[in-house]
Amino acid sequence: MSNSDNSSYQGFSAEERAAMKEHAQEQKKAAARRGSRADKAAEAERDVLAKIAEMQDSDRIMAERIHEVVTASAPALASKLWYGMPAYTLDGKIICHFQPAAKFKTRYATLGFSDHANLDEDAIWPTAFAIATLTPEVEAHLTALVQRATT
């Protein structure tokens, strides 16, 4: 948002403004939806899969696999877009979301968890996990995290 030195606030970055615009469009689209709850859920799932398909190769491959892991690990979670990113909800509350590396020009993708996720442990715990590569061990760890977050 601002430079690391003590200069004055420069406003939101172009990436942050784009994410806010995407969020506003998602809200308008959701408000305009008509039909049954199942129809809305199916459309939200299609929106997530379409957004994943638009991602750059490395992010897309990772997002596809994470989508599979999350939906298999916690079938009660519903998919939706959240600030232009794939997110997963329980009872309408965001539990976790995938942030592709390209979204904010970072060097790794993350799987972030909200305060509605049941990950509390002692006095401090991580709420976002950097993902450099998906290995079977990483997938097993993510599976355990998602299952714990939704119990």
C-alpha atoms as a PDB file:
ATOM      1  CA  MET A   1       0.000   0.000   0.000  1.00  0.00           C
ATOM      2  CA  SER A   2       2.677   2.523   0.880  1.00  0.00           C
ATOM      3  CA  ASN A   3       6.423   2.538   0.601  1.00  0.00           C
ATOM      4  CA  SER A   4       8.406   1.008   3.462  1.00  0.00           C
ATOM      5  CA  ASP A   5       9.968   4.369   4.239  1.00  0.00           C
ATOM      6  CA  ASN A   6       8.056   7.034   6.143  1.00  0.00           C
ATOM      7  CA  SER A   7       6.683   8.809   3.054  1.00  0.00           C
ATOM      8  CA  SER A   8       3.034   9.797   2.957  1.00  0.00           C
ATOM      9  CA  TYR A   9       0.318   7.328   2.054  1.00  0.00           C
ATOM     10  CA  GLN A  10       0.185   6.743  -1.703  1.00  0.00           C
ATOM     11  CA  GLY A  11      -3.181   4.930  -1.903  1.00  0.00           C
ATOM     12  CA  PHE A  12      -4.047   1.448  -2.991  1.00  0.00           C
ATOM     13  CA  SER A  13      -1.904  -0.387  -5.510  1.00  0.00           C
ATOM     14  CA  ALA A  14      -3.308  -1.190  -8.936  1.00  0.00           C
ATOM     15  CA  GLU A  15      -3.665  -4.841  -7.869  1.00  0.00           C
ATOM     16  CA  GLU A  16      -5.605  -3.857  -4.738  1.00  0.00           C
ATOM     17  CA  ARG A  17      -7.927  -1.578  -6.720  1.00  0.00           C
ATOM     18  CA  ALA A  18      -8.529  -4.360  -9.243  1.00  0.00           C
ATOM     19  CA  ALA A  19      -9.379  -6.804  -6.439  1.00  0.00           C
ATOM     20  CA  MET A  20     -11.864  -4.329  -4.962  1.00  0.00           C
ATOM     21  CA  LYS A  21     -13.494  -3.837  -8.381  1.00  0.00           C
ATOM     22  CA  GLU A  22     -13.744  -7.610  -8.822  1.00  0.00           C
ATOM     23  CA  HIS A  23     -15.374  -7.886  -5.408  1.00  0.00           C
ATOM     24  CA  ALA A  24     -17.940  -5.219  -6.299  1.00  0.00           C
ATOM     25  CA  GLN A  25     -18.756  -7.040  -9.565  1.00  0.00           C
ATOM     26  CA  GLU A  26     -19.100 -10.341  -7.667  1.00  0.00           C
ATOM     27  CA  GLN A  27     -21.544  -8.706  -5.245  1.00  0.00           C
ATOM     28  CA  LYS A  28     -23.634  -7.229  -8.085  1.00  0.00           C
ATOM     29  CA  LYS A  29     -23.705 -10.564  -9.887  1.00  0.00           C
ATOM     30  CA  ALA A  30     -24.704 -12.428  -6.716  1.00  0.00           C
ATOM     31  CA  ALA A  31     -27.484  -9.934  -5.991  1.00  0.00           C
ATOM     32  CA  ALA A  32     -28.874 -10.290  -9.512  1.00  0.00           C
ATOM     33  CA  ARG A  33     -29.039 -14.099  -9.371  1.00  0.00           C
ATOM     34  CA  ARG A  34     -32.479 -15.599  -9.355  1.00  0.00           C
ATOM     35  CA  GLY A  35     -33.419 -19.177  -8.780  1.00  0.00           C
ATOM     36  CA  SER A  36     -33.051 -21.860  -6.181  1.00  0.00           C
ATOM     37  CA  ARG A  37     -30.263 -22.151  -3.665  1.00  0.00           C
ATOM     38  CA  ALA A  38     -28.912 -25.130  -5.625  1.00  0.00           C
ATOM     39  CA  ASP A  39     -28.886 -23.086  -8.850  1.00  0.00           C
ATOM     40  CA  LYS A  40     -26.992 -20.271  -7.111  1.00  0.00           C
ATOM     41  CA  ALA A  41     -24.465 -22.738  -5.646  1.00  0.00           C
ATOM     42  CA  ALA A  42     -23.922 -24.339  -9.063  1.00  0.00           C
ATOM     43  CA  GLU A  43     -23.403 -20.930 -10.671  1.00  0.00           C
ATOM     44  CA  ALA A  44     -20.939 -19.909  -7.931  1.00  0.00           C
ATOM     45  CA  GLU A  45     -19.018 -23.163  -8.512  1.00  0.00           C
ATOM     46  CA  ARG A  46     -18.893 -22.437 -12.264  1.00  0.00           C
ATOM     47  CA  ASP A  47     -17.630 -18.902 -11.509  1.00  0.00           C
ATOM     48  CA  VAL A  48     -14.805 -20.306  -9.373  1.00  0.00           C
ATOM     49  CA  LEU A  49     -13.810 -22.858 -12.003  1.00  0.00           C
ATOM     50  CA  ALA A  50     -13.887 -20.177 -14.714  1.00  0.00           C
ATOM     51  CA  LYS A  51     -11.664 -17.882 -12.609  1.00  0.00           C
ATOM     52  CA  ILE A  52      -9.231 -20.762 -12.034  1.00  0.00           C
ATOM     53  CA  ALA A  53      -9.172 -21.471 -15.785  1.00  0.00           C
ATOM     54  CA  GLU A  54      -8.130 -17.824 -16.422  1.00  0.00           C
ATOM     55  CA  MET A  55      -5.053 -18.082 -14.170  1.00  0.00           C
ATOM     56  CA  GLN A  56      -1.480 -18.356 -15.399  1.00  0.00           C
ATOM     57  CA  ASP A  57      -0.250 -21.945 -15.792  1.00  0.00           C
ATOM     58  CA  SER A  58       1.535 -22.425 -12.457  1.00  0.00           C
ATOM     59  CA  ASP A  59      -1.245 -20.749 -10.447  1.00  0.00           C
ATOM     60  CA  ARG A  60      -3.958 -22.525 -12.447  1.00  0.00           C
ATOM     61  CA  ILE A  61      -2.461 -25.982 -11.912  1.00  0.00           C
ATOM     62  CA  MET A  62      -2.084 -25.319  -8.194  1.00  0.00           C
ATOM     63  CA  ALA A  63      -5.575 -23.793  -7.872  1.00  0.00           C
ATOM     64  CA  GLU A  64      -7.190 -26.744  -9.655  1.00  0.00           C
ATOM     65  CA  ARG A  65      -5.533 -29.202  -7.302  1.00  0.00           C
ATOM     66  CA  ILE A  66      -6.267 -27.132  -4.182  1.00  0.00           C
ATOM     67  CA  HIS A  67      -9.904 -26.859  -5.286  1.00  0.00           C
ATOM     68  CA  GLU A  68     -10.017 -30.657  -5.523  1.00  0.00           C
ATOM     69  CA  VAL A  69      -8.349 -31.083  -2.110  1.00  0.00           C
ATOM     70  CA  VAL A  70     -10.620 -28.563  -0.372  1.00  0.00           C
ATOM     71  CA  THR A  71     -13.867 -29.853  -1.857  1.00  0.00           C
ATOM     72  CA  ALA A  72     -12.942 -33.496  -1.167  1.00  0.00           C
ATOM     73  CA  SER A  73     -11.709 -32.758   2.373  1.00  0.00           C
ATOM     74  CA  ALA A  74     -14.770 -30.775   3.418  1.00  0.00           C
ATOM     75  CA  PRO A  75     -17.782 -31.454   1.186  1.00  0.00           C
ATOM     76  CA  ALA A  76     -19.898 -29.080   3.313  1.00  0.00           C
ATOM     77  CA  LEU A  77     -17.904 -26.105   2.014  1.00  0.00           C
ATOM     78  CA  ALA A  78     -19.418 -24.097  -0.818  1.00  0.00           C
ATOM     79  CA  SER A  79     -17.263 -22.471  -3.487  1.00  0.00           C
ATOM     80  CA  LYS A  80     -17.527 -18.778  -4.336  1.00  0.00           C
ATOM     81  CA  LEU A  81     -15.411 -15.932  -5.627  1.00  0.00           C
ATOM     82  CA  TRP A  82     -14.066 -13.543  -3.031  1.00  0.00           C
ATOM     83  CA  TYR A  83     -12.164 -10.480  -4.322  1.00  0.00           C
ATOM     84  CA  GLY A  84     -11.596 -12.416  -7.529  1.00  0.00           C
ATOM     85  CA  MET A  85     -10.093 -15.419  -5.729  1.00  0.00           C
ATOM     86  CA  PRO A  86     -11.475 -18.922  -5.183  1.00  0.00           C
ATOM     87  CA  ALA A  87     -12.924 -19.122  -1.681  1.00  0.00           C
ATOM     88  CA  TYR A  88     -14.770 -21.727   0.320  1.00  0.00           C
ATOM     89  CA  THR A  89     -17.604 -20.977   2.725  1.00  0.00           C
ATOM     90  CA  LEU A  90     -19.526 -22.677   5.494  1.00  0.00           C
ATOM     91  CA  ASP A  91     -22.949 -21.272   6.331  1.00  0.00           C
ATOM     92  CA  GLY A  92     -22.127 -18.221   4.200  1.00  0.00           C
ATOM     93  CA  LYS A  93     -18.877 -17.417   6.048  1.00  0.00           C
ATOM     94  CA  ILE A  94     -15.506 -17.576   4.332  1.00  0.00           C
ATOM     95  CA  ILE A  95     -13.389 -20.386   5.819  1.00  0.00           C
ATOM     96  CA  CYS A  96     -10.458 -20.322   3.413  1.00  0.00           C
ATOM     97  CA  HIS A  97      -9.357 -18.860   0.101  1.00  0.00           C
ATOM     98  CA  PHE A  98      -6.654 -19.425  -2.495  1.00  0.00           C
ATOM     99  CA  GLN A  99      -4.579 -16.413  -3.465  1.00  0.00           C
ATOM    100  CA  PRO A 100      -2.615 -16.988  -6.672  1.00  0.00           C
ATOM    101  CA  ALA A 101       0.912 -15.622  -6.786  1.00  0.00           C
ATOM    102  CA  ALA A 102       0.101 -13.456  -9.804  1.00  0.00           C
ATOM    103  CA  LYS A 103      -2.830 -11.750  -8.047  1.00  0.00           C
ATOM    104  CA  PHE A 104      -0.593  -9.392  -6.064  1.00  0.00           C
ATOM    105  CA  LYS A 105       2.685 -10.198  -7.861  1.00  0.00           C
ATOM    106  CA  THR A 106       4.082 -12.299  -5.012  1.00  0.00           C
ATOM    107  CA  ARG A 107       6.580 -15.091  -5.349  1.00  0.00           C
ATOM    108  CA  TYR A 108       4.257 -17.795  -3.985  1.00  0.00           C
ATOM    109  CA  ALA A 109       0.567 -18.627  -3.790  1.00  0.00           C
ATOM    110  CA  THR A 110      -1.181 -18.869  -0.425  1.00  0.00           C
ATOM    111  CA  LEU A 111      -4.057 -20.682   1.170  1.00  0.00           C
ATOM    112  CA  GLY A 112      -5.492 -18.319   3.747  1.00  0.00           C
ATOM    113  CA  PHE A 113      -7.950 -19.029   6.546  1.00  0.00           C
ATOM    114  CA  SER A 114     -10.410 -16.592   8.101  1.00  0.00           C
ATOM    115  CA  ASP A 115     -11.244 -16.149  11.757  1.00  0.00           C
ATOM    116  CA  HIS A 116     -14.229 -18.486  11.170  1.00  0.00           C
ATOM    117  CA  ALA A 117     -11.821 -21.396  10.621  1.00  0.00           C
ATOM    118  CA  ASN A 118     -11.299 -23.568  13.673  1.00  0.00           C
ATOM    119  CA  LEU A 119      -7.518 -23.422  13.654  1.00  0.00           C
ATOM    120  CA  ASP A 120      -7.047 -21.822  17.094  1.00  0.00           C
ATOM    121  CA  GLU A 121      -4.054 -23.289  18.849  1.00  0.00           C
ATOM    122  CA  ASP A 122      -2.496 -21.857  22.008  1.00  0.00           C
ATOM    123  CA  ALA A 123      -1.922 -18.102  21.884  1.00  0.00           C
ATOM    124  CA  ILE A 124      -0.609 -17.896  18.293  1.00  0.00           C
ATOM    125  CA  TRP A 125      -1.211 -19.798  15.062  1.00  0.00           C
ATOM    126  CA  PRO A 126      -0.776 -19.245  11.317  1.00  0.00           C
ATOM    127  CA  THR A 127      -3.740 -18.117   9.236  1.00  0.00           C
ATOM    128  CA  ALA A 128      -2.119 -18.236   5.788  1.00  0.00           C
ATOM    129  CA  PHE A 129       0.183 -20.805   4.294  1.00  0.00           C
ATOM    130  CA  ALA A 130       2.634 -20.110   1.487  1.00  0.00           C
ATOM    131  CA  ILE A 131       2.617 -22.847  -1.127  1.00  0.00           C
ATOM    132  CA  ALA A 132       5.654 -23.153  -3.366  1.00  0.00           C
ATOM    133  CA  THR A 133       4.810 -26.579  -4.797  1.00  0.00           C
ATOM    134  CA  LEU A 134       2.154 -29.183  -4.209  1.00  0.00           C
ATOM    135  CA  THR A 135       3.579 -32.494  -3.123  1.00  0.00           C
ATOM    136  CA  PRO A 136       1.648 -35.413  -1.629  1.00  0.00           C
ATOM    137  CA  GLU A 137       2.900 -34.295   1.792  1.00  0.00           C
ATOM    138  CA  VAL A 138       1.687 -30.715   1.237  1.00  0.00           C
ATOM    139  CA  GLU A 139      -1.687 -31.998   0.024  1.00  0.00           C
ATOM    140  CA  ALA A 140      -2.000 -34.192   3.138  1.00  0.00           C
ATOM    141  CA  HIS A 141      -1.175 -31.189   5.338  1.00  0.00           C
ATOM    142  CA  LEU A 142      -3.741 -29.018   3.524  1.00  0.00           C
ATOM    143  CA  THR A 143      -6.348 -31.778   3.827  1.00  0.00           C
ATOM    144  CA  ALA A 144      -5.799 -31.932   7.590  1.00  0.00           C
ATOM    145  CA  LEU A 145      -5.969 -28.132   7.894  1.00  0.00           C
ATOM    146  CA  VAL A 146      -9.216 -27.851   5.931  1.00  0.00           C
ATOM    147  CA  GLN A 147     -10.813 -30.675   7.890  1.00  0.00           C
ATOM    148  CA  ARG A 148      -9.760 -29.105  11.195  1.00  0.00           C
ATOM    149  CA  ALA A 149     -10.925 -25.663  10.049  1.00  0.00           C
ATOM    150  CA  THR A 150     -14.437 -26.948   9.422  1.00  0.00           C
ATOM    151  CA  THR A 151     -15.010 -29.004  12.577  1.00  0.00           C
END
